[in-house]
Amino acid sequence: MVCKREEQCVFGEECIFHVGTVLPKCSIFEQKPPIKQTEQEWLQTCNTEQLAEWIVSTNRCKTDHLCSVCRQKWCDKKFVVEWLKQPHEGD
């Protein structure tokens, strides 16, 4: 049987204690740091509301001219939510 903590340990396959043994309390076990998500992975976990909030937050207007157009659509969370629910018409 293989150590059940091998994948969680920084020593992993290189550790002699992980080969063919199951140790409930390994004396040299060291937890691997958590793997951080990429921005793409995080975006793909968002639900419609969260994604709409993110889109709106990235569309904050920098000038008054753009704001009048932007507020009508991409700075309006309700608009973005409805847009996200529409069938994709691209490639």
Protein backbone atom coordinates (compact mmCIF):
# COMPACT_ATOMS: atom_id res chain seq x y z
CA MET A 1 0.00 0.00 0.00
CA VAL A 2 1.19 3.54 -0.77
CA CYS A 3 1.24 6.44 1.65
CA LYS A 4 -2.02 8.35 1.34
CA ARG A 5 -0.30 11.67 2.03
CA GLU A 6 2.25 11.41 -0.79
CA GLU A 7 0.41 13.83 -3.08
CA GLN A 8 0.03 16.38 -0.27
CA CYS A 9 3.68 16.29 0.81
CA VAL A 10 6.48 18.45 -0.63
CA PHE A 11 8.75 15.40 -0.54
CA GLY A 12 6.25 13.34 -2.56
CA GLU A 13 7.68 10.37 -4.45
CA GLU A 14 11.23 11.14 -3.31
CA CYS A 15 10.46 10.33 0.33
CA ILE A 16 11.54 6.85 1.42
CA PHE A 17 8.67 6.74 3.89
CA HIS A 18 6.11 7.12 1.10
CA VAL A 19 7.22 3.98 -0.71
CA GLY A 20 4.93 1.10 0.18
CA THR A 21 3.92 2.33 3.63
CA VAL A 22 1.01 4.10 5.21
CA LEU A 23 2.12 6.29 8.04
CA PRO A 24 -0.59 8.03 10.03
CA LYS A 25 1.91 10.55 11.45
CA CYS A 26 4.98 10.93 9.29
CA SER A 27 7.77 12.73 11.14
CA ILE A 28 9.00 14.55 8.01
CA PHE A 29 5.64 15.33 6.37
CA GLU A 30 5.47 18.88 5.04
CA GLN A 31 2.25 20.19 3.47
CA LYS A 32 2.52 21.45 -0.12
CA PRO A 33 1.44 25.07 -0.53
CA PRO A 34 -2.02 25.47 -2.08
CA ILE A 35 -2.08 25.76 -5.86
CA LYS A 36 -3.32 29.17 -6.90
CA GLN A 37 -5.92 29.45 -9.61
CA THR A 38 -5.20 31.34 -12.77
CA GLU A 39 -7.46 34.27 -13.59
CA GLN A 40 -9.09 32.13 -16.30
CA GLU A 41 -9.75 29.27 -13.86
CA TRP A 42 -11.28 31.70 -11.37
CA LEU A 43 -13.52 33.27 -14.04
CA GLN A 44 -14.70 29.81 -15.11
CA THR A 45 -15.88 29.09 -11.56
CA CYS A 46 -18.07 32.21 -11.41
CA ASN A 47 -21.83 31.97 -11.63
CA THR A 48 -23.78 34.41 -13.82
CA GLU A 49 -24.15 37.02 -11.06
CA GLN A 50 -20.46 36.91 -10.12
CA LEU A 51 -19.36 37.11 -13.73
CA ALA A 52 -21.70 40.06 -14.37
CA GLU A 53 -20.28 41.86 -11.32
CA TRP A 54 -16.76 41.28 -12.61
CA ILE A 55 -17.61 42.56 -16.11
CA VAL A 56 -19.28 45.66 -14.67
CA SER A 57 -16.30 46.30 -12.37
CA THR A 58 -13.89 46.19 -15.32
CA ASN A 59 -15.99 48.65 -17.32
CA ARG A 60 -15.79 51.65 -15.02
CA CYS A 61 -15.69 54.72 -17.23
CA LYS A 62 -12.64 56.95 -17.36
CA THR A 63 -14.23 59.91 -19.16
CA ASP A 64 -17.65 61.55 -19.16
CA HIS A 65 -18.10 60.93 -22.89
CA LEU A 66 -17.71 57.17 -22.48
CA CYS A 67 -19.78 57.06 -19.32
CA SER A 68 -23.03 58.04 -21.03
CA VAL A 69 -22.66 55.07 -23.42
CA CYS A 70 -21.19 52.72 -20.87
CA ARG A 71 -23.88 53.24 -18.24
CA GLN A 72 -26.49 52.19 -20.75
CA LYS A 73 -24.95 48.75 -21.18
CA TRP A 74 -21.72 47.41 -19.75
CA CYS A 75 -21.86 49.27 -16.43
CA ASP A 76 -25.41 48.00 -15.84
CA LYS A 77 -25.33 44.66 -14.06
CA LYS A 78 -28.87 43.75 -15.18
CA PHE A 79 -27.91 44.27 -18.82
CA VAL A 80 -24.77 42.15 -18.41
CA VAL A 81 -26.68 39.33 -16.68
CA GLU A 82 -29.22 39.24 -19.52
CA TRP A 83 -26.43 39.37 -22.13
CA LEU A 84 -24.65 36.41 -20.47
CA LYS A 85 -27.84 34.36 -20.74
CA GLN A 86 -28.17 34.92 -24.49
CA PRO A 87 -27.09 32.21 -26.98
CA HIS A 88 -23.56 32.71 -28.27
CA GLU A 89 -23.54 33.95 -31.87
CA GLY A 90 -19.81 33.84 -32.53
CA ASP A 91 -17.55 31.27 -34.16
